[in-house]
Each structure stands twice: as structure tokens, then as C-alpha cells.
């Protein structure tokens, strides 16, 4: 069994496949799915597959194959459909697969949440610490 690394309440992460670096992410054990801020998105079909096209940190036209769709309840109790795609995240100088959804988080303190589906089995969370998974 792989030893679990300890991460803090807030981590700085990279999403190299998206060209996004030094993203401040809140570790949220109450959230099932990890989420990344995007300004806007649209869903479209091409060749029998569904895709999501979105604007992330001012960069338009990120396009991802939708891995799956989930109906989730927000922290305010509202149900919404989330579109999940798979990419890579870098923590502790290691690349890991992460399933991400996107939504407008402009009113939130952190542009990204790391949820239970990503944390579980890989990490323990020390909520008294921040920035334990620094990439060098």
C-alpha cells in the first residue's frame, strides 16, 4: 500500500496540460468533486462525443472531452449539472490524474477546490498547515 502524503488546507498546484501554474487551491474534504474556476463555458457535440469549451483565467477556447456528467448540490443547496473532464495535476513534483469540473468561482476566495474524489487514498489533510505540496 502506498504511503499517503500530507497536504495542507491550501496548496499551490500546477495544471501543466492546461498551461496553468501556481494555482491557489483550497483542499475541501466536504466537496466530492474537484472544481476549477472558469468565466464561461459551453457544451457541444462533435463526432458523437460531448465536449466542454471554456474560458479559464482569461484564456479562451480550452476544449475537453466530457468524461461524465453529475448532478451535484452546491453549498447553498441548489442542484446543478457538472461536466467532468480528466487532466493532470502536479503536487510534490508528481503528475497525477484529476477529474475536474468547471464553474464560475469569481465570488469565491480560491479559484480551485480539491475534493474527496482526488484526495481519497492519496493524501491526508492537516488543516493547520498550508503549502505542503510545493512543486520545485
C-alpha atoms as a PDB file:
ATOM      1  CA  UNK A   1       0.000   0.000   0.000  1.00  0.00           C
ATOM      2  CA  UNK A   2       1.288   3.454  -0.950  1.00  0.00           C
ATOM      3  CA  UNK A   3       2.035   5.802   1.938  1.00  0.00           C
ATOM      4  CA  UNK A   4      -0.247   8.836   1.983  1.00  0.00           C
ATOM      5  CA  UNK A   5       1.417  12.248   1.767  1.00  0.00           C
ATOM      6  CA  UNK A   6       0.196  15.086   3.978  1.00  0.00           C
ATOM      7  CA  UNK A   7      -1.289  18.133   2.295  1.00  0.00           C
ATOM      8  CA  UNK A   8      -2.382  21.362   3.914  1.00  0.00           C
ATOM      9  CA  UNK A   9      -5.617  23.310   3.891  1.00  0.00           C
ATOM     10  CA  UNK A  10      -4.354  25.437   0.972  1.00  0.00           C
ATOM     11  CA  UNK A  11      -1.980  24.184  -1.741  1.00  0.00           C
ATOM     12  CA  UNK A  12      -0.324  25.739  -4.784  1.00  0.00           C
ATOM     13  CA  UNK A  13      -0.780  23.383  -7.750  1.00  0.00           C
ATOM     14  CA  UNK A  14       0.025  23.217 -11.458  1.00  0.00           C
ATOM     15  CA  UNK A  15      -2.213  22.013 -14.291  1.00  0.00           C
ATOM     16  CA  UNK A  16       0.506  21.629 -16.950  1.00  0.00           C
ATOM     17  CA  UNK A  17      -1.736  20.217 -19.699  1.00  0.00           C
ATOM     18  CA  UNK A  18      -3.703  23.473 -19.454  1.00  0.00           C
ATOM     19  CA  UNK A  19      -0.623  25.658 -19.199  1.00  0.00           C
ATOM     20  CA  UNK A  20      -1.796  26.865 -15.774  1.00  0.00           C
ATOM     21  CA  UNK A  21       0.744  27.188 -12.966  1.00  0.00           C
ATOM     22  CA  UNK A  22       0.778  28.327  -9.347  1.00  0.00           C
ATOM     23  CA  UNK A  23      -2.968  27.953  -8.833  1.00  0.00           C
ATOM     24  CA  UNK A  24      -4.106  28.500  -5.264  1.00  0.00           C
ATOM     25  CA  UNK A  25      -6.334  25.527  -4.398  1.00  0.00           C
ATOM     26  CA  UNK A  26      -8.381  25.004  -1.267  1.00  0.00           C
ATOM     27  CA  UNK A  27      -8.479  21.421  -0.023  1.00  0.00           C
ATOM     28  CA  UNK A  28     -12.160  20.734   0.676  1.00  0.00           C
ATOM     29  CA  UNK A  29     -12.999  17.365   2.212  1.00  0.00           C
ATOM     30  CA  UNK A  30     -16.664  18.383   2.168  1.00  0.00           C
ATOM     31  CA  UNK A  31     -16.683  18.611  -1.628  1.00  0.00           C
ATOM     32  CA  UNK A  32     -16.885  15.349  -3.531  1.00  0.00           C
ATOM     33  CA  UNK A  33     -15.649  16.698  -6.871  1.00  0.00           C
ATOM     34  CA  UNK A  34     -12.676  18.962  -7.596  1.00  0.00           C
ATOM     35  CA  UNK A  35     -13.564  22.186  -9.393  1.00  0.00           C
ATOM     36  CA  UNK A  36     -11.687  24.873 -11.312  1.00  0.00           C
ATOM     37  CA  UNK A  37     -12.881  28.435 -11.883  1.00  0.00           C
ATOM     38  CA  UNK A  38     -13.904  29.334 -15.412  1.00  0.00           C
ATOM     39  CA  UNK A  39     -15.513  32.515 -16.660  1.00  0.00           C
ATOM     40  CA  UNK A  40     -17.894  30.826 -19.081  1.00  0.00           C
ATOM     41  CA  UNK A  41     -18.406  27.505 -20.791  1.00  0.00           C
ATOM     42  CA  UNK A  42     -20.465  25.801 -23.449  1.00  0.00           C
ATOM     43  CA  UNK A  43     -21.251  22.163 -24.177  1.00  0.00           C
ATOM     44  CA  UNK A  44     -21.183  20.882 -27.750  1.00  0.00           C
ATOM     45  CA  UNK A  45     -21.176  17.593 -29.656  1.00  0.00           C
ATOM     46  CA  UNK A  46     -18.727  16.516 -32.324  1.00  0.00           C
ATOM     47  CA  UNK A  47     -18.373  13.081 -33.936  1.00  0.00           C
ATOM     48  CA  UNK A  48     -20.745  11.560 -31.382  1.00  0.00           C
ATOM     49  CA  UNK A  49     -18.839  12.840 -28.333  1.00  0.00           C
ATOM     50  CA  UNK A  50     -19.713  15.648 -25.926  1.00  0.00           C
ATOM     51  CA  UNK A  51     -17.156  18.356 -25.205  1.00  0.00           C
ATOM     52  CA  UNK A  52     -16.905  21.368 -22.958  1.00  0.00           C
ATOM     53  CA  UNK A  53     -15.312  24.579 -24.215  1.00  0.00           C
ATOM     54  CA  UNK A  54     -14.454  27.139 -21.567  1.00  0.00           C
ATOM     55  CA  UNK A  55     -12.530  30.283 -20.716  1.00  0.00           C
ATOM     56  CA  UNK A  56     -10.089  29.783 -17.834  1.00  0.00           C
ATOM     57  CA  UNK A  57      -8.104  32.662 -16.334  1.00  0.00           C
ATOM     58  CA  UNK A  58      -8.847  34.819 -19.356  1.00  0.00           C
ATOM     59  CA  UNK A  59      -7.631  32.206 -21.865  1.00  0.00           C
ATOM     60  CA  UNK A  60     -10.486  31.245 -24.218  1.00  0.00           C
ATOM     61  CA  UNK A  61     -11.110  28.005 -26.011  1.00  0.00           C
ATOM     62  CA  UNK A  62      -9.926  25.325 -23.647  1.00  0.00           C
ATOM     63  CA  UNK A  63     -11.745  22.272 -25.017  1.00  0.00           C
ATOM     64  CA  UNK A  64     -12.093  18.962 -23.173  1.00  0.00           C
ATOM     65  CA  UNK A  65     -13.823  15.674 -23.819  1.00  0.00           C
ATOM     66  CA  UNK A  66     -16.522  15.259 -21.170  1.00  0.00           C
ATOM     67  CA  UNK A  67     -15.702  12.192 -19.094  1.00  0.00           C
ATOM     68  CA  UNK A  68     -19.081  12.195 -17.334  1.00  0.00           C
ATOM     69  CA  UNK A  69     -21.878  14.399 -16.068  1.00  0.00           C
ATOM     70  CA  UNK A  70     -23.010  14.634 -12.454  1.00  0.00           C
ATOM     71  CA  UNK A  71     -25.818  16.443 -10.721  1.00  0.00           C
ATOM     72  CA  UNK A  72     -24.419  17.974  -7.549  1.00  0.00           C
ATOM     73  CA  UNK A  73     -25.822  20.141  -4.788  1.00  0.00           C
ATOM     74  CA  UNK A  74     -23.957  23.359  -4.171  1.00  0.00           C
ATOM     75  CA  UNK A  75     -23.123  24.513  -0.668  1.00  0.00           C
ATOM     76  CA  UNK A  76     -26.286  26.629  -0.978  1.00  0.00           C
ATOM     77  CA  UNK A  77     -28.436  23.518  -1.595  1.00  0.00           C
ATOM     78  CA  UNK A  78     -29.050  24.172  -5.298  1.00  0.00           C
ATOM     79  CA  UNK A  79     -28.737  21.275  -7.759  1.00  0.00           C
ATOM     80  CA  UNK A  80     -26.724  21.798 -10.926  1.00  0.00           C
ATOM     81  CA  UNK A  81     -25.148  19.644 -13.618  1.00  0.00           C
ATOM     82  CA  UNK A  82     -21.367  19.476 -13.525  1.00  0.00           C
ATOM     83  CA  UNK A  83     -19.354  18.342 -16.536  1.00  0.00           C
ATOM     84  CA  UNK A  84     -16.275  16.326 -15.563  1.00  0.00           C
ATOM     85  CA  UNK A  85     -13.083  16.092 -17.621  1.00  0.00           C
ATOM     86  CA  UNK A  86      -9.727  14.465 -16.866  1.00  0.00           C
ATOM     87  CA  UNK A  87      -6.373  16.233 -16.858  1.00  0.00           C
ATOM     88  CA  UNK A  88      -3.082  16.168 -14.925  1.00  0.00           C
ATOM     89  CA  UNK A  89      -2.249  17.979 -11.698  1.00  0.00           C
ATOM     90  CA  UNK A  90       1.226  18.442 -10.266  1.00  0.00           C
ATOM     91  CA  UNK A  91       1.800  18.140  -6.499  1.00  0.00           C
ATOM     92  CA  UNK A  92       5.041  17.157  -4.741  1.00  0.00           C
ATOM     93  CA  UNK A  93       6.654  17.276  -8.214  1.00  0.00           C
ATOM     94  CA  UNK A  94       4.496  14.336  -9.330  1.00  0.00           C
ATOM     95  CA  UNK A  95       1.889  14.304 -12.067  1.00  0.00           C
ATOM     96  CA  UNK A  96      -1.426  12.747 -11.082  1.00  0.00           C
ATOM     97  CA  UNK A  97      -4.719  12.311 -12.906  1.00  0.00           C
ATOM     98  CA  UNK A  98      -7.519  14.530 -11.653  1.00  0.00           C
ATOM     99  CA  UNK A  99     -11.175  14.663 -12.577  1.00  0.00           C
ATOM    100  CA  UNK A 100     -12.248  18.309 -12.685  1.00  0.00           C
ATOM    101  CA  UNK A 101     -15.444  20.191 -13.203  1.00  0.00           C
ATOM    102  CA  UNK A 102     -15.623  23.882 -14.027  1.00  0.00           C
ATOM    103  CA  UNK A 103     -17.843  26.639 -12.725  1.00  0.00           C
ATOM    104  CA  UNK A 104     -17.764  30.355 -12.059  1.00  0.00           C
ATOM    105  CA  UNK A 105     -15.906  30.791  -8.759  1.00  0.00           C
ATOM    106  CA  UNK A 106     -15.274  34.523  -9.176  1.00  0.00           C
ATOM    107  CA  UNK A 107     -17.012  35.290  -5.873  1.00  0.00           C
ATOM    108  CA  UNK A 108     -15.026  32.615  -4.015  1.00  0.00           C
ATOM    109  CA  UNK A 109     -11.690  33.069  -2.226  1.00  0.00           C
ATOM    110  CA  UNK A 110      -9.903  30.306  -4.172  1.00  0.00           C
ATOM    111  CA  UNK A 111     -10.092  29.561  -7.910  1.00  0.00           C
ATOM    112  CA  UNK A 112      -9.837  25.804  -7.350  1.00  0.00           C
ATOM    113  CA  UNK A 113     -11.114  23.196  -4.903  1.00  0.00           C
ATOM    114  CA  UNK A 114      -9.531  19.786  -4.399  1.00  0.00           C
ATOM    115  CA  UNK A 115     -12.366  17.440  -3.449  1.00  0.00           C
ATOM    116  CA  UNK A 116     -12.614  14.000  -1.836  1.00  0.00           C
ATOM    117  CA  UNK A 117     -12.516  12.058  -5.104  1.00  0.00           C
ATOM    118  CA  UNK A 118      -8.985  13.370  -5.704  1.00  0.00           C
ATOM    119  CA  UNK A 119      -7.739  13.375  -2.095  1.00  0.00           C
ATOM    120  CA  UNK A 120      -9.025   9.945  -1.045  1.00  0.00           C
ATOM    121  CA  UNK A 121      -6.443   7.180  -0.946  1.00  0.00           C
ATOM    122  CA  UNK A 122      -3.556   9.522  -1.798  1.00  0.00           C
ATOM    123  CA  UNK A 123      -3.403  12.227   0.862  1.00  0.00           C
ATOM    124  CA  UNK A 124      -4.093  13.070   4.477  1.00  0.00           C
ATOM    125  CA  UNK A 125      -5.108  16.655   5.232  1.00  0.00           C
ATOM    126  CA  UNK A 126      -3.536  18.715   8.015  1.00  0.00           C
ATOM    127  CA  UNK A 127      -5.874  21.709   8.267  1.00  0.00           C
ATOM    128  CA  UNK A 128      -3.395  23.570  10.489  1.00  0.00           C
ATOM    129  CA  UNK A 129      -0.858  23.733   7.632  1.00  0.00           C
ATOM    130  CA  UNK A 130      -0.662  25.361   4.185  1.00  0.00           C
ATOM    131  CA  UNK A 131       1.574  24.825   1.149  1.00  0.00           C
ATOM    132  CA  UNK A 132       2.996  21.395   1.986  1.00  0.00           C
ATOM    133  CA  UNK A 133       2.965  20.065  -1.609  1.00  0.00           C
ATOM    134  CA  UNK A 134       5.249  22.669  -3.173  1.00  0.00           C
ATOM    135  CA  UNK A 135       6.498  21.954  -6.670  1.00  0.00           C
ATOM    136  CA  UNK A 136      10.157  22.764  -7.218  1.00  0.00           C
END
